[in-house]
Amino acid sequence: MSFPFSSSAPKPWEVFESDTETALASSYSLVVWNDEVNTFEWVIETLMEVCGHTLEQAEQCALFIHYKGKYAVKSGDYNTLKPMCNSITERGIGATLEIAD
């Protein structure tokens, strides 16, 4: 068995046949990054509209993003999170997908 981050680690675009590989590929985090451009209000509105967060969840996420520099606002499988990530970046907010621990 290889370490998940080795060069043989599965890529999100690969088709998987075993349950173990599928489980590994479906564990992602949607990470939003802090910047000096976007307002709290815009980030909160975006998280509510794109991720389906409540006002309270979005506010808490925005505070974590601000003070920690980045925050995983949602977790799930690649196919669910990738369109959300795209929508967030289209709004001018930095976001990436990371393999969850």
PDB file of N, CA and C in Angstrom:
ATOM      1  N   MET A   1       0.848  -1.187   0.000  1.00  0.00           N
ATOM      2  CA  MET A   1       0.000   0.000   0.000  1.00  0.00           C
ATOM      3  C   MET A   1       0.883   1.235   0.000  1.00  0.00           C
ATOM      4  N   SER A   2       0.583   2.168  -0.865  1.00  0.00           N
ATOM      5  CA  SER A   2       1.399   3.371  -0.962  1.00  0.00           C
ATOM      6  C   SER A   2       0.778   4.503  -0.144  1.00  0.00           C
ATOM      7  N   PHE A   3       1.625   5.431   0.241  1.00  0.00           N
ATOM      8  CA  PHE A   3       1.187   6.618   0.950  1.00  0.00           C
ATOM      9  C   PHE A   3       0.286   7.434   0.031  1.00  0.00           C
ATOM     10  N   PRO A   4      -0.853   7.963   0.526  1.00  0.00           N
ATOM     11  CA  PRO A   4      -1.825   8.643  -0.346  1.00  0.00           C
ATOM     12  C   PRO A   4      -1.268   9.806  -1.160  1.00  0.00           C
ATOM     13  N   PHE A   5      -0.166  10.415  -0.735  1.00  0.00           N
ATOM     14  CA  PHE A   5       0.352  11.565  -1.460  1.00  0.00           C
ATOM     15  C   PHE A   5       1.556  11.205  -2.327  1.00  0.00           C
ATOM     16  N   SER A   6       1.789   9.920  -2.535  1.00  0.00           N
ATOM     17  CA  SER A   6       2.899   9.508  -3.378  1.00  0.00           C
ATOM     18  C   SER A   6       2.575   9.797  -4.846  1.00  0.00           C
ATOM     19  N   SER A   7       3.561   9.592  -5.694  1.00  0.00           N
ATOM     20  CA  SER A   7       3.351   9.858  -7.110  1.00  0.00           C
ATOM     21  C   SER A   7       2.288   8.945  -7.713  1.00  0.00           C
ATOM     22  N   SER A   8       2.000   7.836  -7.042  1.00  0.00           N
ATOM     23  CA  SER A   8       0.976   6.929  -7.547  1.00  0.00           C
ATOM     24  C   SER A   8      -0.403   7.220  -6.952  1.00  0.00           C
ATOM     25  N   ALA A   9      -0.525   8.328  -6.227  1.00  0.00           N
ATOM     26  CA  ALA A   9      -1.812   8.695  -5.636  1.00  0.00           C
ATOM     27  C   ALA A   9      -2.834   8.926  -6.736  1.00  0.00           C
ATOM     28  N   PRO A  10      -4.084   8.556  -6.507  1.00  0.00           N
ATOM     29  CA  PRO A  10      -5.113   8.732  -7.531  1.00  0.00           C
ATOM     30  C   PRO A  10      -5.363  10.206  -7.818  1.00  0.00           C
ATOM     31  N   LYS A  11      -5.644  10.496  -9.042  1.00  0.00           N
ATOM     32  CA  LYS A  11      -5.985  11.855  -9.456  1.00  0.00           C
ATOM     33  C   LYS A  11      -7.504  11.948  -9.507  1.00  0.00           C
ATOM     34  N   PRO A  12      -8.073  13.131  -9.238  1.00  0.00           N
ATOM     35  CA  PRO A  12      -9.531  13.263  -9.192  1.00  0.00           C
ATOM     36  C   PRO A  12     -10.223  12.906 -10.499  1.00  0.00           C
ATOM     37  N   TRP A  13      -9.535  13.015 -11.609  1.00  0.00           N
ATOM     38  CA  TRP A  13     -10.154  12.754 -12.902  1.00  0.00           C
ATOM     39  C   TRP A  13     -10.068  11.294 -13.329  1.00  0.00           C
ATOM     40  N   GLU A  14      -9.383  10.450 -12.542  1.00  0.00           N
ATOM     41  CA  GLU A  14      -9.271   9.041 -12.877  1.00  0.00           C
ATOM     42  C   GLU A  14     -10.542   8.287 -12.483  1.00  0.00           C
ATOM     43  N   VAL A  15     -10.830   7.240 -13.192  1.00  0.00           N
ATOM     44  CA  VAL A  15     -11.964   6.381 -12.871  1.00  0.00           C
ATOM     45  C   VAL A  15     -11.456   5.288 -11.942  1.00  0.00           C
ATOM     46  N   PHE A  16     -12.167   5.054 -10.851  1.00  0.00           N
ATOM     47  CA  PHE A  16     -11.735   4.097  -9.843  1.00  0.00           C
ATOM     48  C   PHE A  16     -12.620   2.875  -9.855  1.00  0.00           C
ATOM     49  N   GLU A  17     -12.022   1.746  -9.566  1.00  0.00           N
ATOM     50  CA  GLU A  17     -12.779   0.509  -9.556  1.00  0.00           C
ATOM     51  C   GLU A  17     -12.903  -0.107  -8.182  1.00  0.00           C
ATOM     52  N   SER A  18     -11.987   0.179  -7.264  1.00  0.00           N
ATOM     53  CA  SER A  18     -12.077  -0.423  -5.935  1.00  0.00           C
ATOM     54  C   SER A  18     -12.692   0.566  -4.955  1.00  0.00           C
ATOM     55  N   ASP A  19     -13.338   0.053  -3.918  1.00  0.00           N
ATOM     56  CA  ASP A  19     -13.967   0.906  -2.911  1.00  0.00           C
ATOM     57  C   ASP A  19     -12.944   1.770  -2.194  1.00  0.00           C
ATOM     58  N   THR A  20     -11.754   1.236  -1.927  1.00  0.00           N
ATOM     59  CA  THR A  20     -10.722   1.985  -1.231  1.00  0.00           C
ATOM     60  C   THR A  20     -10.299   3.202  -2.045  1.00  0.00           C
ATOM     61  N   GLU A  21     -10.072   3.011  -3.330  1.00  0.00           N
ATOM     62  CA  GLU A  21      -9.669   4.124  -4.178  1.00  0.00           C
ATOM     63  C   GLU A  21     -10.782   5.150  -4.302  1.00  0.00           C
ATOM     64  N   THR A  22     -12.012   4.707  -4.390  1.00  0.00           N
ATOM     65  CA  THR A  22     -13.143   5.624  -4.485  1.00  0.00           C
ATOM     66  C   THR A  22     -13.268   6.450  -3.215  1.00  0.00           C
ATOM     67  N   ALA A  23     -13.106   5.828  -2.056  1.00  0.00           N
ATOM     68  CA  ALA A  23     -13.188   6.551  -0.781  1.00  0.00           C
ATOM     69  C   ALA A  23     -12.103   7.614  -0.700  1.00  0.00           C
ATOM     70  N   LEU A  24     -10.895   7.286  -1.120  1.00  0.00           N
ATOM     71  CA  LEU A  24      -9.809   8.248  -1.092  1.00  0.00           C
ATOM     72  C   LEU A  24     -10.114   9.428  -2.006  1.00  0.00           C
ATOM     73  N   ALA A  25     -10.620   9.154  -3.183  1.00  0.00           N
ATOM     74  CA  ALA A  25     -10.888  10.204  -4.154  1.00  0.00           C
ATOM     75  C   ALA A  25     -12.068  11.085  -3.761  1.00  0.00           C
ATOM     76  N   SER A  26     -12.934  10.620  -2.875  1.00  0.00           N
ATOM     77  CA  SER A  26     -14.120  11.395  -2.539  1.00  0.00           C
ATOM     78  C   SER A  26     -13.950  12.236  -1.280  1.00  0.00           C
ATOM     79  N   SER A  27     -12.770  12.291  -0.719  1.00  0.00           N
ATOM     80  CA  SER A  27     -12.521  13.049   0.500  1.00  0.00           C
ATOM     81  C   SER A  27     -11.788  14.346   0.191  1.00  0.00           C
ATOM     82  N   TYR A  28     -12.539  15.389  -0.102  1.00  0.00           N
ATOM     83  CA  TYR A  28     -11.966  16.681  -0.447  1.00  0.00           C
ATOM     84  C   TYR A  28     -12.512  17.771   0.460  1.00  0.00           C
ATOM     85  N   SER A  29     -11.744  18.850   0.569  1.00  0.00           N
ATOM     86  CA  SER A  29     -12.178  20.044   1.296  1.00  0.00           C
ATOM     87  C   SER A  29     -12.166  21.226   0.341  1.00  0.00           C
ATOM     88  N   LEU A  30     -13.202  22.045   0.429  1.00  0.00           N
ATOM     89  CA  LEU A  30     -13.270  23.292  -0.317  1.00  0.00           C
ATOM     90  C   LEU A  30     -12.695  24.378   0.587  1.00  0.00           C
ATOM     91  N   VAL A  31     -11.542  24.895   0.217  1.00  0.00           N
ATOM     92  CA  VAL A  31     -10.819  25.860   1.045  1.00  0.00           C
ATOM     93  C   VAL A  31     -10.957  27.247   0.431  1.00  0.00           C
ATOM     94  N   VAL A  32     -11.370  28.207   1.250  1.00  0.00           N
ATOM     95  CA  VAL A  32     -11.480  29.602   0.823  1.00  0.00           C
ATOM     96  C   VAL A  32     -10.351  30.376   1.486  1.00  0.00           C
ATOM     97  N   TRP A  33      -9.705  31.238   0.702  1.00  0.00           N
ATOM     98  CA  TRP A  33      -8.516  31.974   1.128  1.00  0.00           C
ATOM     99  C   TRP A  33      -8.838  33.426   1.443  1.00  0.00           C
ATOM    100  N   ASN A  34      -8.143  33.961   2.433  1.00  0.00           N
ATOM    101  CA  ASN A  34      -8.285  35.361   2.805  1.00  0.00           C
ATOM    102  C   ASN A  34      -7.583  36.250   1.776  1.00  0.00           C
ATOM    103  N   ASP A  35      -8.084  37.450   1.616  1.00  0.00           N
ATOM    104  CA  ASP A  35      -7.427  38.460   0.794  1.00  0.00           C
ATOM    105  C   ASP A  35      -7.754  39.832   1.355  1.00  0.00           C
ATOM    106  N   GLU A  36      -7.176  40.835   0.761  1.00  0.00           N
ATOM    107  CA  GLU A  36      -7.392  42.202   1.226  1.00  0.00           C
ATOM    108  C   GLU A  36      -8.379  42.951   0.334  1.00  0.00           C
ATOM    109  N   VAL A  37      -9.075  42.235  -0.537  1.00  0.00           N
ATOM    110  CA  VAL A  37      -9.946  42.863  -1.523  1.00  0.00           C
ATOM    111  C   VAL A  37     -11.423  42.668  -1.186  1.00  0.00           C
ATOM    112  N   ASN A  38     -11.824  41.441  -0.926  1.00  0.00           N
ATOM    113  CA  ASN A  38     -13.237  41.116  -0.735  1.00  0.00           C
ATOM    114  C   ASN A  38     -13.701  41.447   0.682  1.00  0.00           C
ATOM    115  N   THR A  39     -14.919  41.958   0.768  1.00  0.00           N
ATOM    116  CA  THR A  39     -15.483  42.316   2.074  1.00  0.00           C
ATOM    117  C   THR A  39     -16.068  41.087   2.756  1.00  0.00           C
ATOM    118  N   PHE A  40     -16.219  41.202   4.067  1.00  0.00           N
ATOM    119  CA  PHE A  40     -16.879  40.140   4.821  1.00  0.00           C
ATOM    120  C   PHE A  40     -18.264  39.868   4.241  1.00  0.00           C
ATOM    121  N   GLU A  41     -18.987  40.940   3.931  1.00  0.00           N
ATOM    122  CA  GLU A  41     -20.350  40.793   3.423  1.00  0.00           C
ATOM    123  C   GLU A  41     -20.379  39.977   2.130  1.00  0.00           C
ATOM    124  N   TRP A  42     -19.420  40.237   1.230  1.00  0.00           N
ATOM    125  CA  TRP A  42     -19.380  39.526  -0.045  1.00  0.00           C
ATOM    126  C   TRP A  42     -19.039  38.051   0.166  1.00  0.00           C
ATOM    127  N   VAL A  43     -18.086  37.768   1.041  1.00  0.00           N
ATOM    128  CA  VAL A  43     -17.720  36.379   1.338  1.00  0.00           C
ATOM    129  C   VAL A  43     -18.899  35.652   1.986  1.00  0.00           C
ATOM    130  N   ILE A  44     -19.562  36.287   2.927  1.00  0.00           N
ATOM    131  CA  ILE A  44     -20.715  35.682   3.604  1.00  0.00           C
ATOM    132  C   ILE A  44     -21.832  35.399   2.602  1.00  0.00           C
ATOM    133  N   GLU A  45     -22.153  36.379   1.768  1.00  0.00           N
ATOM    134  CA  GLU A  45     -23.189  36.192   0.754  1.00  0.00           C
ATOM    135  C   GLU A  45     -22.836  35.034  -0.184  1.00  0.00           C
ATOM    136  N   THR A  46     -21.577  34.973  -0.590  1.00  0.00           N
ATOM    137  CA  THR A  46     -21.118  33.911  -1.489  1.00  0.00           C
ATOM    138  C   THR A  46     -21.259  32.541  -0.835  1.00  0.00           C
ATOM    139  N   LEU A  47     -20.832  32.413   0.405  1.00  0.00           N
ATOM    140  CA  LEU A  47     -20.931  31.121   1.095  1.00  0.00           C
ATOM    141  C   LEU A  47     -22.384  30.678   1.266  1.00  0.00           C
ATOM    142  N   MET A  48     -23.267  31.621   1.497  1.00  0.00           N
ATOM    143  CA  MET A  48     -24.686  31.282   1.629  1.00  0.00           C
ATOM    144  C   MET A  48     -25.259  30.825   0.285  1.00  0.00           C
ATOM    145  N   GLU A  49     -24.944  31.546  -0.786  1.00  0.00           N
ATOM    146  CA  GLU A  49     -25.512  31.231  -2.093  1.00  0.00           C
ATOM    147  C   GLU A  49     -24.875  30.006  -2.735  1.00  0.00           C
ATOM    148  N   VAL A  50     -23.568  29.885  -2.645  1.00  0.00           N
ATOM    149  CA  VAL A  50     -22.867  28.807  -3.340  1.00  0.00           C
ATOM    150  C   VAL A  50     -22.847  27.518  -2.524  1.00  0.00           C
ATOM    151  N   CYS A  51     -22.570  27.630  -1.231  1.00  0.00           N
ATOM    152  CA  CYS A  51     -22.399  26.434  -0.388  1.00  0.00           C
ATOM    153  C   CYS A  51     -23.649  26.056   0.395  1.00  0.00           C
ATOM    154  N   GLY A  52     -24.639  26.928   0.393  1.00  0.00           N
ATOM    155  CA  GLY A  52     -25.863  26.643   1.132  1.00  0.00           C
ATOM    156  C   GLY A  52     -25.737  26.829   2.631  1.00  0.00           C
ATOM    157  N   HIS A  53     -24.748  27.628   3.064  1.00  0.00           N
ATOM    158  CA  HIS A  53     -24.568  27.879   4.494  1.00  0.00           C
ATOM    159  C   HIS A  53     -25.683  28.783   5.024  1.00  0.00           C
ATOM    160  N   THR A  54     -25.979  28.623   6.300  1.00  0.00           N
ATOM    161  CA  THR A  54     -26.852  29.587   6.967  1.00  0.00           C
ATOM    162  C   THR A  54     -26.050  30.861   7.196  1.00  0.00           C
ATOM    163  N   LEU A  55     -26.720  31.934   7.578  1.00  0.00           N
ATOM    164  CA  LEU A  55     -26.031  33.184   7.875  1.00  0.00           C
ATOM    165  C   LEU A  55     -24.979  32.964   8.958  1.00  0.00           C
ATOM    166  N   GLU A  56     -25.340  32.254  10.001  1.00  0.00           N
ATOM    167  CA  GLU A  56     -24.416  32.020  11.114  1.00  0.00           C
ATOM    168  C   GLU A  56     -23.203  31.202  10.674  1.00  0.00           C
ATOM    169  N   GLN A  57     -23.420  30.156   9.893  1.00  0.00           N
ATOM    170  CA  GLN A  57     -22.304  29.353   9.394  1.00  0.00           C
ATOM    171  C   GLN A  57     -21.374  30.186   8.530  1.00  0.00           C
ATOM    172  N   ALA A  58     -21.957  30.973   7.642  1.00  0.00           N
ATOM    173  CA  ALA A  58     -21.165  31.797   6.728  1.00  0.00           C
ATOM    174  C   ALA A  58     -20.360  32.847   7.492  1.00  0.00           C
ATOM    175  N   GLU A  59     -20.968  33.446   8.507  1.00  0.00           N
ATOM    176  CA  GLU A  59     -20.255  34.438   9.324  1.00  0.00           C
ATOM    177  C   GLU A  59     -19.076  33.805  10.044  1.00  0.00           C
ATOM    178  N   GLN A  60     -19.294  32.626  10.633  1.00  0.00           N
ATOM    179  CA  GLN A  60     -18.215  31.936  11.337  1.00  0.00           C
ATOM    180  C   GLN A  60     -17.085  31.568  10.378  1.00  0.00           C
ATOM    181  N   CYS A  61     -17.437  31.056   9.208  1.00  0.00           N
ATOM    182  CA  CYS A  61     -16.424  30.714   8.205  1.00  0.00           C
ATOM    183  C   CYS A  61     -15.624  31.950   7.803  1.00  0.00           C
ATOM    184  N   ALA A  62     -16.308  33.069   7.582  1.00  0.00           N
ATOM    185  CA  ALA A  62     -15.633  34.302   7.179  1.00  0.00           C
ATOM    186  C   ALA A  62     -14.640  34.754   8.244  1.00  0.00           C
ATOM    187  N   LEU A  63     -14.995  34.606   9.501  1.00  0.00           N
ATOM    188  CA  LEU A  63     -14.072  34.970  10.579  1.00  0.00           C
ATOM    189  C   LEU A  63     -12.851  34.054  10.600  1.00  0.00           C
ATOM    190  N   PHE A  64     -13.071  32.751  10.443  1.00  0.00           N
ATOM    191  CA  PHE A  64     -11.946  31.817  10.382  1.00  0.00           C
ATOM    192  C   PHE A  64     -11.045  32.140   9.196  1.00  0.00           C
ATOM    193  N   ILE A  65     -11.643  32.407   8.038  1.00  0.00           N
ATOM    194  CA  ILE A  65     -10.870  32.749   6.845  1.00  0.00           C
ATOM    195  C   ILE A  65     -10.009  33.978   7.121  1.00  0.00           C
ATOM    196  N   HIS A  66     -10.611  34.971   7.727  1.00  0.00           N
ATOM    197  CA  HIS A  66      -9.908  36.230   7.997  1.00  0.00           C
ATOM    198  C   HIS A  66      -8.738  36.028   8.960  1.00  0.00           C
ATOM    199  N   TYR A  67      -8.975  35.333  10.051  1.00  0.00           N
ATOM    200  CA  TYR A  67      -7.946  35.214  11.090  1.00  0.00           C
ATOM    201  C   TYR A  67      -6.928  34.102  10.850  1.00  0.00           C
ATOM    202  N   LYS A  68      -7.315  33.056  10.127  1.00  0.00           N
ATOM    203  CA  LYS A  68      -6.387  31.951   9.885  1.00  0.00           C
ATOM    204  C   LYS A  68      -5.744  32.006   8.497  1.00  0.00           C
ATOM    205  N   GLY A  69      -6.268  32.849   7.621  1.00  0.00           N
ATOM    206  CA  GLY A  69      -5.721  32.967   6.275  1.00  0.00           C
ATOM    207  C   GLY A  69      -6.410  32.079   5.255  1.00  0.00           C
ATOM    208  N   LYS A  70      -7.008  31.007   5.722  1.00  0.00           N
ATOM    209  CA  LYS A  70      -7.783  30.105   4.871  1.00  0.00           C
ATOM    210  C   LYS A  70      -8.635  29.240   5.783  1.00  0.00           C
ATOM    211  N   TYR A  71      -9.692  28.647   5.186  1.00  0.00           N
ATOM    212  CA  TYR A  71     -10.554  27.778   5.988  1.00  0.00           C
ATOM    213  C   TYR A  71     -11.315  26.836   5.067  1.00  0.00           C
ATOM    214  N   ALA A  72     -11.409  25.583   5.492  1.00  0.00           N
ATOM    215  CA  ALA A  72     -12.176  24.585   4.744  1.00  0.00           C
ATOM    216  C   ALA A  72     -13.661  24.794   5.062  1.00  0.00           C
ATOM    217  N   VAL A  73     -14.387  25.355   4.119  1.00  0.00           N
ATOM    218  CA  VAL A  73     -15.782  25.734   4.344  1.00  0.00           C
ATOM    219  C   VAL A  73     -16.760  24.595   4.066  1.00  0.00           C
ATOM    220  N   LYS A  74     -16.294  23.547   3.369  1.00  0.00           N
ATOM    221  CA  LYS A  74     -17.179  22.428   3.043  1.00  0.00           C
ATOM    222  C   LYS A  74     -16.307  21.233   2.682  1.00  0.00           C
ATOM    223  N   SER A  75     -16.813  20.041   2.955  1.00  0.00           N
ATOM    224  CA  SER A  75     -16.102  18.830   2.559  1.00  0.00           C
ATOM    225  C   SER A  75     -17.056  17.925   1.797  1.00  0.00           C
ATOM    226  N   GLY A  76     -16.475  17.062   0.969  1.00  0.00           N
ATOM    227  CA  GLY A  76     -17.300  16.160   0.175  1.00  0.00           C
ATOM    228  C   GLY A  76     -16.515  15.573  -0.969  1.00  0.00           C
ATOM    229  N   ASP A  77     -17.235  15.102  -1.978  1.00  0.00           N
ATOM    230  CA  ASP A  77     -16.571  14.492  -3.121  1.00  0.00           C
ATOM    231  C   ASP A  77     -16.203  15.555  -4.153  1.00  0.00           C
ATOM    232  N   TYR A  78     -15.268  15.224  -4.997  1.00  0.00           N
ATOM    233  CA  TYR A  78     -14.726  16.144  -5.998  1.00  0.00           C
ATOM    234  C   TYR A  78     -15.816  16.704  -6.907  1.00  0.00           C
ATOM    235  N   ASN A  79     -16.686  15.835  -7.402  1.00  0.00           N
ATOM    236  CA  ASN A  79     -17.707  16.262  -8.372  1.00  0.00           C
ATOM    237  C   ASN A  79     -18.718  17.233  -7.780  1.00  0.00           C
ATOM    238  N   THR A  80     -18.932  17.180  -6.488  1.00  0.00           N
ATOM    239  CA  THR A  80     -19.837  18.120  -5.823  1.00  0.00           C
ATOM    240  C   THR A  80     -19.144  19.447  -5.552  1.00  0.00           C
ATOM    241  N   LEU A  81     -17.890  19.363  -5.087  1.00  0.00           N
ATOM    242  CA  LEU A  81     -17.192  20.571  -4.661  1.00  0.00           C
ATOM    243  C   LEU A  81     -16.580  21.381  -5.799  1.00  0.00           C
ATOM    244  N   LYS A  82     -16.201  20.742  -6.896  1.00  0.00           N
ATOM    245  CA  LYS A  82     -15.544  21.456  -7.994  1.00  0.00           C
ATOM    246  C   LYS A  82     -16.410  22.584  -8.564  1.00  0.00           C
ATOM    247  N   PRO A  83     -17.709  22.362  -8.841  1.00  0.00           N
ATOM    248  CA  PRO A  83     -18.532  23.484  -9.322  1.00  0.00           C
ATOM    249  C   PRO A  83     -18.665  24.611  -8.293  1.00  0.00           C
ATOM    250  N   MET A  84     -18.700  24.260  -7.003  1.00  0.00           N
ATOM    251  CA  MET A  84     -18.759  25.280  -5.957  1.00  0.00           C
ATOM    252  C   MET A  84     -17.470  26.102  -5.956  1.00  0.00           C
ATOM    253  N   CYS A  85     -16.352  25.428  -6.063  1.00  0.00           N
ATOM    254  CA  CYS A  85     -15.055  26.097  -6.112  1.00  0.00           C
ATOM    255  C   CYS A  85     -15.008  27.051  -7.303  1.00  0.00           C
ATOM    256  N   ASN A  86     -15.459  26.591  -8.450  1.00  0.00           N
ATOM    257  CA  ASN A  86     -15.492  27.435  -9.648  1.00  0.00           C
ATOM    258  C   ASN A  86     -16.373  28.656  -9.440  1.00  0.00           C
ATOM    259  N   SER A  87     -17.539  28.473  -8.833  1.00  0.00           N
ATOM    260  CA  SER A  87     -18.459  29.591  -8.599  1.00  0.00           C
ATOM    261  C   SER A  87     -17.848  30.627  -7.663  1.00  0.00           C
ATOM    262  N   ILE A  88     -17.151  30.151  -6.646  1.00  0.00           N
ATOM    263  CA  ILE A  88     -16.525  31.070  -5.694  1.00  0.00           C
ATOM    264  C   ILE A  88     -15.415  31.865  -6.377  1.00  0.00           C
ATOM    265  N   THR A  89     -14.575  31.188  -7.149  1.00  0.00           N
ATOM    266  CA  THR A  89     -13.487  31.906  -7.822  1.00  0.00           C
ATOM    267  C   THR A  89     -14.019  32.852  -8.896  1.00  0.00           C
ATOM    268  N   GLU A  90     -15.122  32.505  -9.531  1.00  0.00           N
ATOM    269  CA  GLU A  90     -15.736  33.406 -10.518  1.00  0.00           C
ATOM    270  C   GLU A  90     -16.221  34.697  -9.870  1.00  0.00           C
ATOM    271  N   ARG A  91     -16.453  34.664  -8.570  1.00  0.00           N
ATOM    272  CA  ARG A  91     -16.874  35.856  -7.830  1.00  0.00           C
ATOM    273  C   ARG A  91     -15.678  36.648  -7.309  1.00  0.00           C
ATOM    274  N   GLY A  92     -14.471  36.224  -7.676  1.00  0.00           N
ATOM    275  CA  GLY A  92     -13.272  36.958  -7.292  1.00  0.00           C
ATOM    276  C   GLY A  92     -12.696  36.587  -5.941  1.00  0.00           C
ATOM    277  N   ILE A  93     -13.140  35.477  -5.393  1.00  0.00           N
ATOM    278  CA  ILE A  93     -12.668  35.009  -4.089  1.00  0.00           C
ATOM    279  C   ILE A  93     -11.783  33.786  -4.329  1.00  0.00           C
ATOM    280  N   GLY A  94     -10.638  33.744  -3.669  1.00  0.00           N
ATOM    281  CA  GLY A  94      -9.718  32.627  -3.826  1.00  0.00           C
ATOM    282  C   GLY A  94     -10.266  31.364  -3.173  1.00  0.00           C
ATOM    283  N   ALA A  95     -10.279  30.274  -3.917  1.00  0.00           N
ATOM    284  CA  ALA A  95     -10.752  28.987  -3.393  1.00  0.00           C
ATOM    285  C   ALA A  95     -10.021  27.859  -4.109  1.00  0.00           C
ATOM    286  N   THR A  96      -9.766  26.798  -3.371  1.00  0.00           N
ATOM    287  CA  THR A  96      -9.100  25.624  -3.923  1.00  0.00           C
ATOM    288  C   THR A  96      -9.734  24.370  -3.352  1.00  0.00           C
ATOM    289  N   LEU A  97      -9.479  23.240  -4.004  1.00  0.00           N
ATOM    290  CA  LEU A  97      -9.863  21.944  -3.473  1.00  0.00           C
ATOM    291  C   LEU A  97      -8.609  21.260  -2.965  1.00  0.00           C
ATOM    292  N   GLU A  98      -8.699  20.678  -1.794  1.00  0.00           N
ATOM    293  CA  GLU A  98      -7.581  19.951  -1.212  1.00  0.00           C
ATOM    294  C   GLU A  98      -8.058  18.580  -0.795  1.00  0.00           C
ATOM    295  N   ILE A  99      -7.170  17.606  -0.890  1.00  0.00           N
ATOM    296  CA  ILE A  99      -7.501  16.266  -0.397  1.00  0.00           C
ATOM    297  C   ILE A  99      -7.590  16.365   1.119  1.00  0.00           C
ATOM    298  N   ALA A 100      -8.719  15.917   1.667  1.00  0.00           N
ATOM    299  CA  ALA A 100      -8.959  15.998   3.113  1.00  0.00           C
ATOM    300  C   ALA A 100      -8.093  14.988   3.844  1.00  0.00           C
ATOM    301  N   ASP A 101      -7.765  15.316   5.071  1.00  0.00           N
ATOM    302  CA  ASP A 101      -6.971  14.415   5.917  1.00  0.00           C
ATOM    303  C   ASP A 101      -7.785  13.235   6.377  1.00  0.00           C
TER     304      ASP A 101
END
